[in-house]
């Protein structure tokens, strides 16, 4: 299993747990909605960060492979 899938699974589990915790908390609806929105924004930011890291890694590997092919073609 790739580390990206593990991280995504952990984030999804944490989001589901936080959402259930908020939904079952005895607070006013407006407070609960604000908490859900806040947590959703936090998780979206984390997911964007992880996605950008993944894209950077893929880009680095592509550039490395491209350079290797270029070097092999020169030989």
Protein backbone atom coordinates (compact mmCIF):
# COMPACT_ATOMS: atom_id res chain seq x y z
CA UNK A 1 0.00 0.00 0.00
CA UNK A 2 1.41 3.40 -0.91
CA UNK A 3 2.05 6.02 1.73
CA UNK A 4 -0.29 8.41 -0.10
CA UNK A 5 -3.22 6.04 0.36
CA UNK A 6 -2.37 5.54 4.03
CA UNK A 7 -2.22 9.29 4.65
CA UNK A 8 -5.48 9.82 2.79
CA UNK A 9 -7.12 7.05 4.84
CA UNK A 10 -5.89 8.56 8.09
CA UNK A 11 -7.16 12.01 7.10
CA UNK A 12 -10.54 10.60 6.07
CA UNK A 13 -10.84 8.69 9.35
CA UNK A 14 -9.90 11.74 11.37
CA UNK A 15 -12.42 13.86 9.46
CA UNK A 16 -15.20 11.32 10.01
CA UNK A 17 -14.39 11.07 13.72
CA UNK A 18 -14.31 14.82 14.16
CA UNK A 19 -17.59 15.22 12.29
CA UNK A 20 -19.34 12.59 14.40
CA UNK A 21 -17.95 14.13 17.58
CA UNK A 22 -19.25 17.54 16.60
CA UNK A 23 -22.65 16.24 15.50
CA UNK A 24 -23.26 14.45 18.80
CA UNK A 25 -22.04 17.35 20.95
CA UNK A 26 -24.86 19.12 22.83
CA UNK A 27 -24.50 22.62 21.35
CA UNK A 28 -26.64 25.02 19.37
CA UNK A 29 -26.96 24.31 15.66
CA UNK A 30 -25.22 27.54 14.65
CA UNK A 31 -22.19 26.71 16.81
CA UNK A 32 -22.08 23.17 15.43
CA UNK A 33 -22.24 24.42 11.83
CA UNK A 34 -19.38 26.84 12.47
CA UNK A 35 -17.29 24.04 13.94
CA UNK A 36 -18.02 21.76 10.99
CA UNK A 37 -17.08 24.51 8.55
CA UNK A 38 -13.89 25.27 10.45
CA UNK A 39 -12.83 21.61 10.61
CA UNK A 40 -13.70 21.14 6.95
CA UNK A 41 -11.47 24.05 5.99
CA UNK A 42 -8.63 22.65 8.12
CA UNK A 43 -8.89 19.23 6.51
CA UNK A 44 -9.14 20.76 3.03
CA UNK A 45 -5.95 22.72 3.68
CA UNK A 46 -4.16 19.60 4.92
CA UNK A 47 -5.35 17.63 1.91
CA UNK A 48 -4.16 20.37 -0.46
CA UNK A 49 -0.77 20.36 1.24
CA UNK A 50 -0.45 16.57 0.96
CA UNK A 51 -1.55 16.68 -2.68
CA UNK A 52 1.02 19.38 -3.46
CA UNK A 53 3.73 17.28 -1.78
CA UNK A 54 2.65 14.28 -3.88
CA UNK A 55 2.75 16.36 -7.09
CA UNK A 56 6.20 17.67 -6.18
CA UNK A 57 7.51 14.12 -5.62
CA UNK A 58 6.06 12.91 -8.92
CA UNK A 59 7.53 15.92 -10.69
CA UNK A 60 10.96 15.27 -9.15
CA UNK A 61 10.85 11.61 -10.22
CA UNK A 62 9.78 12.59 -13.72
CA UNK A 63 12.60 15.11 -14.01
CA UNK A 64 15.07 12.53 -12.72
CA UNK A 65 13.88 9.91 -15.21
CA UNK A 66 13.97 12.46 -18.01
CA UNK A 67 17.56 13.34 -17.10
CA UNK A 68 18.56 9.66 -17.04
CA UNK A 69 17.08 9.09 -20.49
CA UNK A 70 18.86 12.18 -21.75
CA UNK A 71 22.18 10.93 -20.36
CA UNK A 72 21.69 7.45 -21.83
CA UNK A 73 20.86 8.92 -25.23
CA UNK A 74 24.04 11.00 -25.14
CA UNK A 75 26.17 7.88 -24.53
